[in-house]
């Protein structure tokens, strides 16, 4: 037997089926959990997903070492008849 939750089918032996069937926890506005862990403001929440530089200064160090070698490339003669 398979469990159908929404449009997703889970096998009968799926380990966390009971957790999924329970659904998302909801808390009353003034219960102890809500008071201890109020919802985060959207403006602060967005900062969680902002990109960050895990290795500070790494990008700058790489950019310093970046060398433009395009002027050192030997130009080979070009024949338009060689193009397929």
Foldseek 3Di string as FASTA:
>chain_A
DWDQDPNDIHDPVPPCPVVVVVPDDDDDCDDPVCVVPPDDDPVVVVVVPDDDDPDPPPVVVVVVVDDDCPVVDDDDDDDPVPDD
